[in-house]
Amino acid sequence: MSKYYVVWKGRTPGVYGSWEECKDETNGYPSAQFKSYSTKSAADNAYALGVGAWFSATKWDKGSRARRGHAKLTHEYLNIIGKEP
């Protein structure tokens, strides 16, 4: 299964078709922001919306899960990126 990677903050922001490309753009870059998606259209939509849409659409748990970086996505964001809520 191939994944697509959105780099919002890195050497060259964009959508990449492999982890190696994403890693080249983000490794060592201060405060890099990137995320993987299972389809190209979901990655394109997420990139177009910008990283702010990702974080504003994410609801962080108040418990220990939040400290480990787990998030729950809103139904609206899931629809935008092409996933079933």
N, C-alpha and C. Protein backbone atom coordinates (compact mmCIF):
# COMPACT_ATOMS: atom_id res chain seq x y z
N MET A 1 0.85 -1.18 0.00
CA MET A 1 0.00 0.00 0.00
C MET A 1 0.90 1.24 0.00
N SER A 2 0.73 2.09 -0.98
CA SER A 2 1.53 3.30 -1.03
C SER A 2 0.84 4.42 -0.25
N LYS A 3 1.66 5.31 0.25
CA LYS A 3 1.16 6.47 0.98
C LYS A 3 1.65 7.72 0.27
N TYR A 4 0.98 8.81 0.58
CA TYR A 4 1.38 10.13 0.08
C TYR A 4 1.64 11.00 1.29
N TYR A 5 2.60 11.87 1.17
CA TYR A 5 3.05 12.67 2.30
C TYR A 5 2.91 14.15 1.99
N VAL A 6 2.24 14.86 2.90
CA VAL A 6 2.11 16.31 2.78
C VAL A 6 3.16 16.95 3.66
N VAL A 7 3.93 17.84 3.07
CA VAL A 7 4.90 18.64 3.84
C VAL A 7 4.38 20.08 3.80
N TRP A 8 3.91 20.54 4.96
CA TRP A 8 3.46 21.93 5.06
C TRP A 8 4.62 22.84 5.41
N LYS A 9 5.52 22.34 6.25
CA LYS A 9 6.67 23.14 6.64
C LYS A 9 7.90 22.25 6.52
N GLY A 10 8.76 22.59 5.56
CA GLY A 10 9.97 21.83 5.29
C GLY A 10 10.77 22.60 4.25
N ARG A 11 11.78 21.95 3.70
CA ARG A 11 12.61 22.65 2.70
C ARG A 11 11.78 23.10 1.50
N THR A 12 10.96 22.20 0.97
CA THR A 12 10.09 22.54 -0.16
C THR A 12 8.71 21.95 0.13
N PRO A 13 7.76 22.76 0.61
CA PRO A 13 6.42 22.25 0.91
C PRO A 13 5.76 21.67 -0.33
N GLY A 14 4.94 20.65 -0.12
CA GLY A 14 4.24 20.02 -1.23
C GLY A 14 3.74 18.64 -0.87
N VAL A 15 3.31 17.90 -1.87
CA VAL A 15 2.83 16.53 -1.71
C VAL A 15 3.87 15.61 -2.34
N TYR A 16 4.27 14.58 -1.61
CA TYR A 16 5.31 13.66 -2.06
C TYR A 16 4.79 12.23 -2.09
N GLY A 17 5.31 11.44 -3.00
CA GLY A 17 4.83 10.09 -3.21
C GLY A 17 5.61 9.01 -2.49
N SER A 18 6.59 9.39 -1.68
CA SER A 18 7.34 8.38 -0.93
C SER A 18 7.85 8.97 0.38
N TRP A 19 8.09 8.07 1.34
CA TRP A 19 8.63 8.50 2.61
C TRP A 19 10.04 9.08 2.42
N GLU A 20 10.82 8.50 1.53
CA GLU A 20 12.18 9.00 1.29
C GLU A 20 12.16 10.46 0.85
N GLU A 21 11.25 10.81 -0.06
CA GLU A 21 11.14 12.20 -0.50
C GLU A 21 10.73 13.11 0.65
N CYS A 22 9.74 12.67 1.42
CA CYS A 22 9.27 13.45 2.56
C CYS A 22 10.40 13.64 3.57
N LYS A 23 11.10 12.56 3.86
CA LYS A 23 12.20 12.62 4.82
C LYS A 23 13.29 13.58 4.36
N ASP A 24 13.59 13.55 3.06
CA ASP A 24 14.61 14.48 2.53
C ASP A 24 14.20 15.94 2.74
N GLU A 25 12.90 16.21 2.65
CA GLU A 25 12.40 17.58 2.80
C GLU A 25 12.27 18.02 4.26
N THR A 26 12.16 17.07 5.19
CA THR A 26 11.87 17.42 6.58
C THR A 26 12.97 17.08 7.57
N ASN A 27 13.81 16.10 7.27
CA ASN A 27 14.83 15.67 8.21
C ASN A 27 15.80 16.81 8.51
N GLY A 28 15.89 17.17 9.77
CA GLY A 28 16.78 18.25 10.19
C GLY A 28 16.20 19.64 10.02
N TYR A 29 15.01 19.74 9.46
CA TYR A 29 14.37 21.04 9.28
C TYR A 29 13.69 21.42 10.59
N PRO A 30 13.96 22.62 11.13
CA PRO A 30 13.39 23.01 12.42
C PRO A 30 11.86 23.07 12.38
N SER A 31 11.21 22.38 13.30
CA SER A 31 9.74 22.39 13.45
C SER A 31 9.02 21.98 12.17
N ALA A 32 9.56 20.97 11.48
CA ALA A 32 8.92 20.48 10.26
C ALA A 32 7.51 19.99 10.58
N GLN A 33 6.60 20.19 9.63
CA GLN A 33 5.21 19.75 9.79
C GLN A 33 4.82 18.95 8.56
N PHE A 34 4.48 17.68 8.79
CA PHE A 34 4.14 16.79 7.69
C PHE A 34 3.23 15.68 8.20
N LYS A 35 2.53 15.03 7.27
CA LYS A 35 1.62 13.94 7.63
C LYS A 35 1.40 13.05 6.42
N SER A 36 1.17 11.76 6.67
CA SER A 36 0.91 10.82 5.58
C SER A 36 -0.59 10.65 5.35
N TYR A 37 -0.94 10.33 4.11
CA TYR A 37 -2.33 10.07 3.71
C TYR A 37 -2.35 8.85 2.81
N SER A 38 -3.47 8.13 2.79
CA SER A 38 -3.54 6.89 2.02
C SER A 38 -3.88 7.11 0.54
N THR A 39 -4.39 8.28 0.19
CA THR A 39 -4.69 8.55 -1.23
C THR A 39 -4.10 9.90 -1.65
N LYS A 40 -3.84 10.01 -2.93
CA LYS A 40 -3.29 11.26 -3.47
C LYS A 40 -4.30 12.40 -3.32
N SER A 41 -5.58 12.11 -3.55
CA SER A 41 -6.58 13.18 -3.46
C SER A 41 -6.71 13.68 -2.02
N ALA A 42 -6.62 12.79 -1.05
CA ALA A 42 -6.67 13.22 0.35
C ALA A 42 -5.46 14.09 0.68
N ALA A 43 -4.29 13.70 0.19
CA ALA A 43 -3.08 14.49 0.43
C ALA A 43 -3.18 15.85 -0.25
N ASP A 44 -3.67 15.88 -1.48
CA ASP A 44 -3.83 17.15 -2.19
C ASP A 44 -4.79 18.07 -1.46
N ASN A 45 -5.91 17.52 -0.98
CA ASN A 45 -6.88 18.32 -0.23
C ASN A 45 -6.28 18.86 1.05
N ALA A 46 -5.57 18.01 1.78
CA ALA A 46 -4.96 18.44 3.04
C ALA A 46 -3.92 19.53 2.80
N TYR A 47 -3.13 19.39 1.74
CA TYR A 47 -2.12 20.40 1.43
C TYR A 47 -2.79 21.73 1.08
N ALA A 48 -3.84 21.65 0.29
CA ALA A 48 -4.55 22.87 -0.12
C ALA A 48 -5.18 23.58 1.07
N LEU A 49 -5.67 22.81 2.03
CA LEU A 49 -6.28 23.41 3.22
C LEU A 49 -5.24 24.02 4.14
N GLY A 50 -4.04 23.50 4.12
CA GLY A 50 -2.96 24.03 4.95
C GLY A 50 -2.91 23.36 6.31
N VAL A 51 -1.78 23.47 6.93
CA VAL A 51 -1.58 22.82 8.23
C VAL A 51 -2.51 23.40 9.29
N GLY A 52 -2.89 24.65 9.16
CA GLY A 52 -3.81 25.25 10.14
C GLY A 52 -5.14 24.54 10.16
N ALA A 53 -5.62 24.09 9.00
CA ALA A 53 -6.89 23.36 8.95
C ALA A 53 -6.75 22.03 9.67
N TRP A 54 -5.60 21.38 9.52
CA TRP A 54 -5.37 20.11 10.21
C TRP A 54 -5.44 20.29 11.72
N PHE A 55 -4.72 21.28 12.24
CA PHE A 55 -4.69 21.46 13.69
C PHE A 55 -5.99 22.02 14.24
N SER A 56 -6.68 22.87 13.49
CA SER A 56 -7.94 23.39 14.00
C SER A 56 -9.04 22.34 13.92
N ALA A 57 -8.91 21.38 13.02
CA ALA A 57 -9.90 20.31 12.89
C ALA A 57 -9.63 19.15 13.84
N THR A 58 -8.50 19.18 14.50
CA THR A 58 -8.11 18.10 15.40
C THR A 58 -8.55 18.43 16.82
N LYS A 59 -9.20 17.47 17.44
CA LYS A 59 -9.58 17.64 18.84
C LYS A 59 -8.66 16.78 19.69
N TRP A 60 -7.87 17.42 20.52
CA TRP A 60 -6.93 16.69 21.36
C TRP A 60 -7.63 16.18 22.61
N ASP A 61 -7.34 14.93 22.95
CA ASP A 61 -7.85 14.37 24.20
C ASP A 61 -7.20 15.07 25.38
N LYS A 62 -7.90 15.13 26.49
CA LYS A 62 -7.35 15.80 27.67
C LYS A 62 -6.47 14.86 28.49
N GLY A 63 -6.59 13.56 28.32
CA GLY A 63 -5.87 12.60 29.14
C GLY A 63 -4.49 12.27 28.62
N SER A 64 -4.02 11.09 28.98
CA SER A 64 -2.67 10.68 28.63
C SER A 64 -2.47 10.52 27.13
N ARG A 65 -3.55 10.24 26.39
CA ARG A 65 -3.42 10.10 24.93
C ARG A 65 -2.90 11.38 24.30
N ALA A 66 -3.33 12.53 24.83
CA ALA A 66 -2.87 13.81 24.27
C ALA A 66 -1.37 13.97 24.49
N ARG A 67 -0.89 13.52 25.61
CA ARG A 67 0.54 13.64 25.88
C ARG A 67 1.35 12.76 24.93
N ARG A 68 0.74 11.70 24.42
CA ARG A 68 1.44 10.83 23.46
C ARG A 68 1.22 11.29 22.03
N GLY A 69 0.46 12.36 21.82
CA GLY A 69 0.28 12.92 20.49
C GLY A 69 -0.87 12.33 19.70
N HIS A 70 -1.76 11.58 20.33
CA HIS A 70 -2.92 11.04 19.62
C HIS A 70 -3.99 12.11 19.50
N ALA A 71 -4.74 12.06 18.43
CA ALA A 71 -5.78 13.06 18.20
C ALA A 71 -7.03 12.40 17.65
N LYS A 72 -8.15 13.06 17.83
CA LYS A 72 -9.39 12.65 17.20
C LYS A 72 -9.74 13.72 16.17
N LEU A 73 -10.06 13.29 14.97
CA LEU A 73 -10.39 14.25 13.92
C LEU A 73 -11.89 14.50 13.89
N THR A 74 -12.25 15.71 13.53
CA THR A 74 -13.67 16.04 13.40
C THR A 74 -14.22 15.36 12.15
N HIS A 75 -15.53 15.14 12.13
CA HIS A 75 -16.18 14.55 10.96
C HIS A 75 -15.98 15.42 9.73
N GLU A 76 -16.01 16.72 9.90
CA GLU A 76 -15.83 17.64 8.78
C GLU A 76 -14.48 17.44 8.11
N TYR A 77 -13.42 17.36 8.91
CA TYR A 77 -12.09 17.18 8.34
C TYR A 77 -11.95 15.82 7.68
N LEU A 78 -12.53 14.78 8.29
CA LEU A 78 -12.49 13.46 7.70
C LEU A 78 -13.16 13.46 6.32
N ASN A 79 -14.26 14.16 6.19
CA ASN A 79 -14.93 14.26 4.88
C ASN A 79 -14.06 14.99 3.88
N ILE A 80 -13.39 16.05 4.30
CA ILE A 80 -12.54 16.84 3.40
C ILE A 80 -11.39 16.01 2.85
N ILE A 81 -10.79 15.18 3.70
CA ILE A 81 -9.65 14.39 3.25
C ILE A 81 -10.07 13.05 2.65
N GLY A 82 -11.37 12.82 2.54
CA GLY A 82 -11.86 11.65 1.84
C GLY A 82 -11.94 10.38 2.65
N LYS A 83 -12.08 10.51 3.97
CA LYS A 83 -12.23 9.33 4.82
C LYS A 83 -13.62 9.31 5.41
N GLU A 84 -14.12 8.12 5.68
CA GLU A 84 -15.42 7.98 6.31
C GLU A 84 -15.32 8.32 7.79
N PRO A 85 -16.25 9.11 8.32
CA PRO A 85 -16.23 9.41 9.75
C PRO A 85 -16.59 8.18 10.58
